[in-house]
Amino acid sequence: MNNLKKNFDTIIVKKLKDELGLSNVLAVPWVKKITLNVGIGKMSKDQKAVDTVKETLVRISGQKPVETKARQSIAGFKLREGSVVGMMVTLRGRRMYDFLERLVHITLPRVRDFRGIPMTSVDQSGNLSIGLSEHYVFPEVNPDTVEHTHGLQITISVQAQNRDHALALYREFGMPFVKEKL
């Protein structure tokens, strides 16, 4: 499925170099990594729900998630130091491009009442953060077998000179941003 990586190497790099007026191909913005993060929250007491979250992340990303643990105890939240509070996956290379292609062309169009990604989701460095409230919009997850619905945070980290260069890269990938009102 790795069409996005081929398109990036052959077409998008040349197009962005000309469009942004860059003198060197190595100055063209590129995606460094994609991080998927799930907060377990109240589900941390239910081991079956934690295993479900782990299995879901494996299906979506294609690799095993890392458990994120609490650094300190907080009595107000009934949280103990060392207890699992979330799961995280970092994608790079081929898996990253495969996931990005599925996200743009399959997953985001399946989100209910999706109007586009707001431009405020891109920070000054050009990194894009997307929050999904339901994980079963991914085609790898069968909605009929879902017992616990959980959200998913997706962060796309790019190497770009500024925010405008990163936005040009996202547009070339086909990222559906909200249409600007005139």
Protein backbone atom coordinates (compact mmCIF):
# COMPACT_ATOMS: atom_id res chain seq x y z
CA MET A 1 0.00 0.00 0.00
CA ASN A 2 3.03 2.26 0.33
CA ASN A 3 1.88 4.64 -2.44
CA LEU A 4 2.18 7.73 -0.23
CA LYS A 5 5.91 7.15 0.35
CA LYS A 6 6.51 6.66 -3.40
CA ASN A 7 4.51 9.80 -4.21
CA PHE A 8 6.41 11.75 -1.58
CA ASP A 9 9.82 10.69 -2.90
CA THR A 10 9.03 11.18 -6.58
CA ILE A 11 6.38 13.92 -6.91
CA ILE A 12 5.71 15.79 -3.67
CA VAL A 13 9.35 16.62 -2.86
CA LYS A 14 9.92 18.24 -6.26
CA LYS A 15 6.60 20.08 -6.14
CA LEU A 16 7.20 21.44 -2.62
CA LYS A 17 10.76 22.46 -3.50
CA ASP A 18 9.47 24.59 -6.39
CA GLU A 19 6.37 25.85 -4.54
CA LEU A 20 8.27 26.92 -1.41
CA GLY A 21 11.26 28.29 -3.34
CA LEU A 22 13.79 26.05 -1.62
CA SER A 23 17.27 25.65 -3.08
CA ASN A 24 17.95 22.20 -1.65
CA VAL A 25 15.82 19.03 -1.67
CA LEU A 26 16.89 18.33 1.91
CA ALA A 27 15.15 21.54 3.06
CA VAL A 28 11.75 20.19 2.01
CA PRO A 29 9.51 19.44 5.02
CA TRP A 30 9.07 15.75 5.89
CA VAL A 31 7.25 13.64 8.47
CA LYS A 32 9.52 12.44 11.32
CA LYS A 33 7.09 10.29 13.28
CA ILE A 34 3.45 9.68 14.14
CA THR A 35 2.51 9.07 17.76
CA LEU A 36 -0.75 7.38 18.81
CA ASN A 37 -1.76 7.88 22.42
CA VAL A 38 -4.70 6.48 24.41
CA GLY A 39 -5.48 7.57 27.96
CA ILE A 40 -6.97 4.73 29.96
CA GLY A 41 -8.40 6.82 32.81
CA LYS A 42 -11.21 5.04 34.67
CA MET A 43 -10.66 1.85 32.66
CA SER A 44 -7.35 1.23 34.47
CA LYS A 45 -9.13 -0.77 37.19
CA ASP A 46 -10.63 -3.16 34.60
CA GLN A 47 -7.84 -5.38 33.20
CA LYS A 48 -10.08 -6.63 30.37
CA ALA A 49 -10.61 -3.05 29.17
CA VAL A 50 -6.85 -2.38 29.33
CA ASP A 51 -6.19 -5.50 27.25
CA THR A 52 -8.83 -4.36 24.75
CA VAL A 53 -7.11 -0.97 24.39
CA LYS A 54 -3.77 -2.71 23.86
CA GLU A 55 -5.23 -5.06 21.24
CA THR A 56 -6.92 -2.16 19.47
CA LEU A 57 -3.68 -0.20 19.22
CA VAL A 58 -1.90 -3.27 17.85
CA ARG A 59 -4.58 -3.64 15.16
CA ILE A 60 -4.54 0.05 14.22
CA SER A 61 -0.78 0.61 14.23
CA GLY A 62 0.69 -2.81 13.48
CA GLN A 63 3.06 -2.73 16.44
CA LYS A 64 2.92 -3.32 20.18
CA PRO A 65 2.10 -0.27 22.35
CA VAL A 66 4.16 0.92 25.29
CA GLU A 67 2.39 1.36 28.62
CA THR A 68 2.68 4.86 30.07
CA LYS A 69 2.79 4.87 33.85
CA ALA A 70 2.06 7.50 36.49
CA ARG A 71 5.22 9.27 37.66
CA GLN A 72 3.82 10.16 41.06
CA SER A 73 0.89 9.33 43.30
CA ILE A 74 -2.05 11.76 43.36
CA ALA A 75 -4.54 11.05 46.12
CA GLY A 76 -7.27 13.26 44.65
CA PHE A 77 -7.36 11.14 41.49
CA LYS A 78 -6.86 7.85 43.38
CA LEU A 79 -3.68 7.34 41.38
CA ARG A 80 -0.67 5.36 42.55
CA GLU A 81 2.87 5.86 41.31
CA GLY A 82 3.72 3.26 38.66
CA SER A 83 0.13 2.40 37.73
CA VAL A 84 -0.72 2.27 34.01
CA VAL A 85 -2.49 5.44 32.84
CA GLY A 86 -2.22 5.06 29.07
CA MET A 87 -0.78 3.36 26.01
CA MET A 88 1.42 4.86 23.32
CA VAL A 89 2.75 3.81 19.91
CA THR A 90 5.38 5.66 17.87
CA LEU A 91 5.35 4.94 14.14
CA ARG A 92 8.28 5.61 11.83
CA GLY A 93 9.28 4.60 8.32
CA ARG A 94 7.02 2.35 6.23
CA ARG A 95 4.39 1.86 8.96
CA MET A 96 4.16 5.62 9.43
CA TYR A 97 3.41 6.27 5.77
CA ASP A 98 0.93 3.37 5.62
CA PHE A 99 -0.90 4.72 8.68
CA LEU A 100 -0.92 8.28 7.30
CA GLU A 101 -2.39 7.11 4.01
CA ARG A 102 -5.13 5.12 5.78
CA LEU A 103 -5.83 8.05 8.11
CA VAL A 104 -6.32 10.57 5.31
CA HIS A 105 -8.16 8.43 2.77
CA ILE A 106 -10.15 5.93 4.86
CA THR A 107 -10.41 6.84 8.55
CA LEU A 108 -11.14 10.57 8.59
CA PRO A 109 -13.94 10.31 5.99
CA ARG A 110 -15.58 7.67 8.26
CA VAL A 111 -15.77 10.05 11.24
CA ARG A 112 -19.36 11.06 11.93
CA ASP A 113 -20.12 14.76 11.21
CA PHE A 114 -16.55 15.40 10.08
CA ARG A 115 -16.13 18.92 8.73
CA GLY A 116 -12.36 18.91 8.43
CA ILE A 117 -9.36 19.44 10.67
CA PRO A 118 -9.17 22.96 12.15
CA MET A 119 -6.08 24.99 11.26
CA THR A 120 -5.53 25.56 14.99
CA SER A 121 -4.54 21.88 15.28
CA VAL A 122 -1.17 22.74 13.71
CA ASP A 123 1.30 24.33 16.14
CA GLN A 124 4.07 26.84 15.32
CA SER A 125 6.57 24.05 14.59
CA GLY A 126 4.17 22.46 12.12
CA ASN A 127 3.16 19.44 14.22
CA LEU A 128 -0.45 18.33 13.78
CA SER A 129 -2.55 16.98 16.67
CA ILE A 130 -5.83 15.21 15.99
CA GLY A 131 -8.13 13.85 18.67
CA LEU A 132 -10.69 11.18 17.85
CA SER A 133 -13.40 10.45 20.42
CA GLU A 134 -14.21 7.00 19.00
CA HIS A 135 -11.57 4.46 18.04
CA TYR A 136 -13.82 2.27 15.92
CA VAL A 137 -13.69 4.60 12.89
CA PHE A 138 -10.54 2.74 11.87
CA PRO A 139 -11.29 -0.03 9.35
CA GLU A 140 -9.16 -2.52 11.33
CA VAL A 141 -11.59 -2.36 14.27
CA ASN A 142 -14.89 -4.24 13.96
CA PRO A 143 -17.58 -2.00 15.56
CA ASP A 144 -19.74 -5.03 16.39
CA THR A 145 -17.10 -6.42 18.76
CA VAL A 146 -16.42 -3.13 20.61
CA GLU A 147 -17.27 -3.31 24.31
CA HIS A 148 -15.44 -0.21 25.56
CA THR A 149 -15.22 2.92 23.43
CA HIS A 150 -12.13 5.01 23.97
CA GLY A 151 -10.59 8.05 22.34
CA LEU A 152 -7.33 8.29 20.48
CA GLN A 153 -4.84 11.15 20.16
CA ILE A 154 -2.77 11.29 16.96
CA THR A 155 0.27 13.56 16.72
CA ILE A 156 2.10 13.95 13.42
CA SER A 157 5.59 15.42 13.98
CA VAL A 158 7.27 17.05 11.00
CA GLN A 159 10.64 18.57 10.25
CA ALA A 160 9.79 21.94 8.69
CA GLN A 161 11.24 25.44 8.70
CA ASN A 162 7.94 26.99 9.78
CA ARG A 163 4.20 26.39 10.07
CA ASP A 164 3.44 27.42 6.47
CA HIS A 165 5.88 24.85 5.06
CA ALA A 166 4.28 22.14 7.19
CA LEU A 167 0.78 23.17 6.02
CA ALA A 168 1.96 22.90 2.40
CA LEU A 169 3.21 19.36 3.16
CA TYR A 170 -0.12 18.38 4.77
CA ARG A 171 -2.07 19.74 1.79
CA GLU A 172 0.08 17.68 -0.59
CA PHE A 173 -0.69 14.58 1.47
CA GLY A 174 -4.40 15.38 1.07
CA MET A 175 -5.11 16.26 4.72
CA PRO A 176 -8.73 17.52 4.90
CA PHE A 177 -8.53 20.94 6.57
CA VAL A 178 -11.59 23.10 7.31
CA LYS A 179 -12.41 25.36 4.39
CA GLU A 180 -11.57 28.98 5.20
CA LYS A 181 -14.47 31.43 5.10
CA LEU A 182 -14.02 34.44 2.84
